[in-house]
Amino acid sequence: MGGLVYPRRRRLTRFARGRRGYVRVRSVGGPGGNVDDENAELPEPVVEVVRRGDAATVSMKGDLDVSTAPELTDVCYAVYADGAREVVIDLTDTSFLDSSGLRALIGVRQLFGDSGHVRLSHPSEPTLRLLDLTGLSDYFSISED
């Protein structure tokens, strides 16, 4: 049986510099063409970025899990591409960290490598315990201040 077949919709997410740091800009392509919802109202950001020179503070809100880890990674890649060589990942408002979140943090640390510095700020007690259990507490610079 024949019928109309539309190409799958394609979502592209990019981050642009906004007044409050980086803002998610999503383009959706499909049968009607590309729709850029840059001016559409977006939900409260899960990841916020504040830049100061070549340093950036990335604040994570909520759980750092399989659904939010890619967003953290994308934002950190955008910050790195924008020239930041020091990043502080503020985990003050992060209530949960799973293996996907750990992988995202490791990926960010590998991205910055020897040419930059990654520091975890204000991790919760369960997060510190998880970093200790996995042997990653020595891999990251961790600060409580």
Protein backbone atom coordinates (compact mmCIF):
# COMPACT_ATOMS: atom_id res chain seq x y z
CA MET A 1 0.00 0.00 0.00
CA GLY A 2 1.35 3.34 -0.97
CA GLY A 3 0.90 6.52 0.90
CA LEU A 4 2.54 9.78 1.66
CA VAL A 5 5.80 9.41 3.50
CA TYR A 6 7.17 12.48 5.18
CA PRO A 7 10.81 12.67 6.14
CA ARG A 8 11.42 12.35 9.85
CA ARG A 9 11.51 15.57 11.78
CA ARG A 10 14.99 16.60 12.72
CA ARG A 11 15.79 18.48 15.90
CA LEU A 12 18.95 20.45 16.18
CA THR A 13 19.86 22.07 19.46
CA ARG A 14 22.42 24.80 19.69
CA PHE A 15 23.31 27.28 22.36
CA ALA A 16 23.60 31.01 21.82
CA ARG A 17 24.80 33.67 24.17
CA GLY A 18 21.92 35.44 25.85
CA ARG A 19 21.57 38.07 28.55
CA ARG A 20 21.60 35.45 31.33
CA GLY A 21 24.33 33.25 29.88
CA TYR A 22 23.78 30.61 27.23
CA VAL A 23 20.28 30.07 25.91
CA ARG A 24 19.03 26.93 24.20
CA VAL A 25 17.92 27.54 20.62
CA ARG A 26 16.16 24.63 18.94
CA SER A 27 15.44 24.31 15.22
CA VAL A 28 12.92 21.78 14.02
CA GLY A 29 12.93 20.64 10.40
CA GLY A 30 10.15 18.75 8.74
CA PRO A 31 7.64 18.85 5.91
CA GLY A 32 6.85 22.50 6.59
CA GLY A 33 10.49 23.58 6.50
CA ASN A 34 12.63 24.79 9.34
CA VAL A 35 11.06 26.49 12.28
CA ASP A 36 13.40 28.38 14.56
CA ASP A 37 11.84 28.77 17.98
CA GLU A 38 14.56 31.10 19.31
CA ASN A 39 11.95 33.59 20.44
CA ALA A 40 9.56 30.96 21.79
CA GLU A 41 9.19 30.74 25.53
CA LEU A 42 11.46 28.02 26.89
CA PRO A 43 11.12 26.16 30.18
CA GLU A 44 13.28 27.16 33.14
CA PRO A 45 16.86 26.28 32.22
CA VAL A 46 18.43 23.24 33.81
CA VAL A 47 21.92 24.53 33.09
CA GLU A 48 22.97 28.17 33.46
CA VAL A 49 26.30 29.69 32.50
CA VAL A 50 28.02 32.82 33.77
CA ARG A 51 31.19 33.91 31.94
CA ARG A 52 34.01 35.95 33.48
CA GLY A 53 36.90 36.37 31.05
CA ASP A 54 38.30 32.96 30.17
CA ALA A 55 36.47 31.33 33.09
CA ALA A 56 32.89 30.08 33.23
CA THR A 57 30.61 28.88 36.00
CA VAL A 58 28.10 26.25 34.87
CA SER A 59 25.28 25.79 37.39
CA MET A 60 23.31 22.56 37.29
CA LYS A 61 19.76 22.44 38.70
CA GLY A 62 17.89 19.27 39.60
CA ASP A 63 19.05 15.78 38.75
CA LEU A 64 22.16 15.11 36.68
CA ASP A 65 20.96 11.95 34.98
CA VAL A 66 20.33 10.41 31.57
CA SER A 67 17.88 13.17 30.61
CA THR A 68 20.01 16.18 31.64
CA ALA A 69 23.60 14.97 31.16
CA PRO A 70 23.63 15.68 27.40
CA GLU A 71 22.57 19.27 28.06
CA LEU A 72 25.43 19.76 30.53
CA THR A 73 27.86 18.29 28.00
CA ASP A 74 26.54 20.48 25.16
CA VAL A 75 26.79 23.63 27.25
CA CYS A 76 30.35 22.81 28.34
CA TYR A 77 31.36 22.14 24.73
CA ALA A 78 29.87 25.51 23.72
CA VAL A 79 31.72 27.25 26.56
CA TYR A 80 34.98 25.57 25.54
CA ALA A 81 34.46 26.49 21.88
CA ASP A 82 33.82 30.08 23.00
CA GLY A 83 37.30 30.24 24.53
CA ALA A 84 36.81 29.42 28.21
CA ARG A 85 39.69 27.42 29.64
CA GLU A 86 38.50 27.20 33.23
CA VAL A 87 35.09 25.91 34.19
CA VAL A 88 33.47 25.54 37.58
CA ILE A 89 30.54 23.14 37.62
CA ASP A 90 28.34 24.30 40.47
CA LEU A 91 26.40 21.35 41.89
CA THR A 92 24.71 23.29 44.72
CA ASP A 93 21.21 22.68 43.33
CA THR A 94 21.94 19.18 42.00
CA SER A 95 20.03 16.62 44.01
CA PHE A 96 20.94 13.38 42.22
CA LEU A 97 23.84 12.06 40.13
CA ASP A 98 23.80 8.77 38.19
CA SER A 99 26.23 7.03 35.84
CA SER A 100 25.18 9.24 32.91
CA GLY A 101 25.96 12.30 34.99
CA LEU A 102 29.34 10.84 35.95
CA ARG A 103 30.06 10.18 32.27
CA ALA A 104 29.16 13.78 31.41
CA LEU A 105 31.50 15.12 34.11
CA ILE A 106 34.32 12.84 32.91
CA GLY A 107 33.71 13.97 29.32
CA VAL A 108 33.94 17.63 30.33
CA ARG A 109 37.15 16.94 32.25
CA GLN A 110 38.62 15.17 29.20
CA LEU A 111 37.52 18.02 26.92
CA PHE A 112 39.37 20.63 28.95
CA GLY A 113 42.32 18.24 29.46
CA ASP A 114 45.73 19.81 30.03
CA SER A 115 44.78 23.10 28.36
CA GLY A 116 42.14 23.94 30.95
CA HIS A 117 40.81 23.33 34.43
CA VAL A 118 37.55 21.78 35.65
CA ARG A 119 36.41 22.17 39.25
CA LEU A 120 33.30 20.76 40.93
CA SER A 121 31.78 23.17 43.41
CA HIS A 122 29.42 22.37 46.30
CA PRO A 123 28.72 18.70 45.57
CA SER A 124 26.20 17.09 47.93
CA GLU A 125 27.21 14.36 50.37
CA PRO A 126 25.78 11.55 48.19
CA THR A 127 27.64 12.97 45.18
CA LEU A 128 30.91 13.06 47.14
CA ARG A 129 30.30 9.49 48.27
CA LEU A 130 29.70 8.39 44.67
CA LEU A 131 32.89 10.12 43.51
CA ASP A 132 34.81 8.35 46.30
CA LEU A 133 33.30 4.94 45.49
CA THR A 134 34.17 5.27 41.80
CA GLY A 135 37.68 6.57 42.47
CA LEU A 136 36.94 9.89 40.79
CA SER A 137 37.39 12.14 43.81
CA ASP A 138 41.09 12.50 42.94
CA TYR A 139 40.32 13.00 39.24
CA PHE A 140 38.39 16.23 39.86
CA SER A 141 39.28 19.36 41.75
CA ILE A 142 36.50 19.70 44.33
CA SER A 143 35.72 22.79 46.39
CA GLU A 144 33.18 23.51 49.06
CA ASP A 145 33.49 27.33 48.93
